[in-house]
């Protein structure tokens, strides 16, 4: 009988229920907001997209060849996804996570320019990133 009175008294107190709800909400860990990539990284990656799109090279993804503009658009989608997750701190990290291999098959992306043999995209993009940084440092 004593137990029933306690339950009834709790039902009668909306302030108690509000406090209980607030305590529950505060006890649940909140997901931290994803940090945007630093401005320098954003500028470098934007340059890499423009460089790829204007390269007239072909880009191989999962055994199929795509135009450079299509490849740049695909990598931009991957960049946006990874940036929203907050996992891109550097341009190298983006190349590693989003621009070096298929997230579906794990196969490396390839770049073929003119009559040259295809090369993996990670060193190709990394070389352009180094050129971009060297040029930016010379300003």
Protein backbone atom coordinates (compact mmCIF):
# COMPACT_ATOMS: atom_id res chain seq x y z
CA UNK A 1 0.00 0.00 0.00
CA UNK A 2 2.86 2.34 0.84
CA UNK A 3 4.37 1.72 -2.62
CA UNK A 4 1.11 2.67 -4.32
CA UNK A 5 1.02 6.02 -2.55
CA UNK A 6 4.55 6.83 -3.72
CA UNK A 7 3.65 6.07 -7.34
CA UNK A 8 0.44 8.07 -7.06
CA UNK A 9 2.26 11.03 -5.54
CA UNK A 10 4.84 10.95 -8.35
CA UNK A 11 2.07 10.92 -10.93
CA UNK A 12 0.61 13.99 -9.34
CA UNK A 13 3.80 16.08 -9.61
CA UNK A 14 4.49 17.36 -13.15
CA UNK A 15 7.55 19.22 -11.87
CA UNK A 16 9.09 15.88 -10.87
CA UNK A 17 8.46 14.44 -14.33
CA UNK A 18 9.96 17.52 -15.97
CA UNK A 19 13.04 17.26 -13.77
CA UNK A 20 13.36 13.55 -14.54
CA UNK A 21 13.11 14.23 -18.29
CA UNK A 22 15.71 17.00 -18.06
CA UNK A 23 18.09 14.77 -16.09
CA UNK A 24 17.70 12.01 -18.67
CA UNK A 25 18.40 14.35 -21.58
CA UNK A 26 21.46 15.80 -19.86
CA UNK A 27 22.79 12.34 -19.03
CA UNK A 28 22.79 11.22 -22.68
CA UNK A 29 26.13 12.07 -24.25
CA UNK A 30 25.80 14.56 -27.04
CA UNK A 31 27.62 13.96 -30.33
CA UNK A 32 30.26 16.63 -30.82
CA UNK A 33 29.82 18.94 -33.77
CA UNK A 34 32.10 17.96 -36.63
CA UNK A 35 34.92 20.40 -37.13
CA UNK A 36 35.27 21.80 -40.63
CA UNK A 37 38.64 21.30 -42.29
CA UNK A 38 41.01 24.23 -41.72
CA UNK A 39 40.84 27.02 -44.33
CA UNK A 40 44.27 26.11 -45.73
CA UNK A 41 43.14 22.52 -46.25
CA UNK A 42 39.93 23.68 -47.91
CA UNK A 43 41.92 25.89 -50.30
CA UNK A 44 44.37 23.10 -51.14
CA UNK A 45 41.66 20.52 -51.77
CA UNK A 46 39.69 23.00 -53.88
CA UNK A 47 42.85 23.50 -55.94
CA UNK A 48 43.23 19.73 -56.36
CA UNK A 49 39.66 19.47 -57.66
CA UNK A 50 40.29 22.26 -60.17
CA UNK A 51 43.62 20.74 -61.19
CA UNK A 52 42.04 17.34 -61.77
CA UNK A 53 39.01 18.76 -63.60
CA UNK A 54 41.23 20.76 -65.97
CA UNK A 55 43.82 18.04 -66.52
CA UNK A 56 42.27 16.31 -69.56
CA UNK A 57 43.30 13.06 -67.88
CA UNK A 58 41.11 10.02 -67.36
CA UNK A 59 40.26 8.66 -63.94
CA UNK A 60 39.69 4.98 -63.20
CA UNK A 61 37.26 3.99 -60.50
CA UNK A 62 36.40 0.32 -59.96
CA UNK A 63 37.57 -0.68 -63.43
CA UNK A 64 35.72 2.07 -65.35
CA UNK A 65 37.29 5.18 -66.86
CA UNK A 66 35.73 8.60 -66.23
CA UNK A 67 36.47 12.09 -67.48
CA UNK A 68 38.50 14.38 -65.26
CA UNK A 69 35.51 16.69 -64.53
CA UNK A 70 33.38 13.68 -63.54
CA UNK A 71 36.19 12.41 -61.32
CA UNK A 72 36.56 15.80 -59.65
CA UNK A 73 32.81 15.91 -58.99
CA UNK A 74 32.94 12.42 -57.48
CA UNK A 75 35.86 13.31 -55.22
CA UNK A 76 34.09 16.52 -54.16
CA UNK A 77 31.13 14.44 -52.96
CA UNK A 78 33.49 12.23 -50.98
CA UNK A 79 35.22 15.32 -49.56
CA UNK A 80 31.90 16.83 -48.45
CA UNK A 81 30.91 13.55 -46.80
CA UNK A 82 34.22 13.21 -44.95
CA UNK A 83 34.24 16.90 -43.98
CA UNK A 84 30.76 16.51 -42.48
CA UNK A 85 32.13 13.61 -40.43
CA UNK A 86 34.96 15.85 -39.19
CA UNK A 87 37.75 13.47 -40.22
CA UNK A 88 39.71 15.72 -42.59
CA UNK A 89 42.37 17.77 -40.86
CA UNK A 90 44.85 17.95 -43.71
CA UNK A 91 44.87 17.63 -47.47
CA UNK A 92 46.97 14.49 -47.12
CA UNK A 93 44.28 12.98 -44.92
CA UNK A 94 41.65 13.70 -47.57
CA UNK A 95 43.82 12.09 -50.26
CA UNK A 96 44.30 9.06 -48.01
CA UNK A 97 40.64 8.66 -46.99
CA UNK A 98 38.76 9.92 -50.02
CA UNK A 99 40.90 10.27 -53.12
CA UNK A 100 43.15 7.23 -53.20
CA UNK A 101 40.82 4.25 -53.46
CA UNK A 102 37.22 3.18 -53.77
CA UNK A 103 35.39 3.03 -50.48
CA UNK A 104 33.22 0.30 -52.05
CA UNK A 105 35.79 -2.09 -53.53
CA UNK A 106 39.03 -0.89 -51.95
CA UNK A 107 40.64 -0.76 -55.41
CA UNK A 108 43.06 2.14 -55.91
CA UNK A 109 41.97 4.99 -58.14
CA UNK A 110 44.11 5.44 -61.26
CA UNK A 111 44.90 8.52 -63.34
CA UNK A 112 45.92 8.29 -67.00
CA UNK A 113 47.14 11.39 -68.79
CA UNK A 114 47.66 11.19 -72.54
CA UNK A 115 49.75 8.21 -73.62
CA UNK A 116 51.39 7.79 -70.21
CA UNK A 117 50.82 4.66 -68.18
CA UNK A 118 48.12 4.92 -65.50
CA UNK A 119 49.37 5.88 -62.04
CA UNK A 120 47.66 5.65 -58.68
CA UNK A 121 45.79 8.81 -57.77
CA UNK A 122 47.33 9.28 -54.31
CA UNK A 123 50.89 10.03 -55.50
CA UNK A 124 49.54 11.95 -58.51
CA UNK A 125 47.47 14.23 -56.27
CA UNK A 126 50.25 14.36 -53.67
CA UNK A 127 52.73 15.62 -56.26
CA UNK A 128 50.35 18.39 -57.32
CA UNK A 129 49.73 19.29 -53.69
CA UNK A 130 53.51 19.66 -53.17
CA UNK A 131 53.78 21.88 -56.29
CA UNK A 132 50.87 24.00 -55.08
CA UNK A 133 52.40 24.46 -51.64
CA UNK A 134 55.81 25.29 -53.08
CA UNK A 135 54.27 27.90 -55.36
CA UNK A 136 52.20 29.33 -52.48
CA UNK A 137 55.30 29.55 -50.27
CA UNK A 138 57.16 31.46 -53.00
CA UNK A 139 54.64 34.30 -53.00
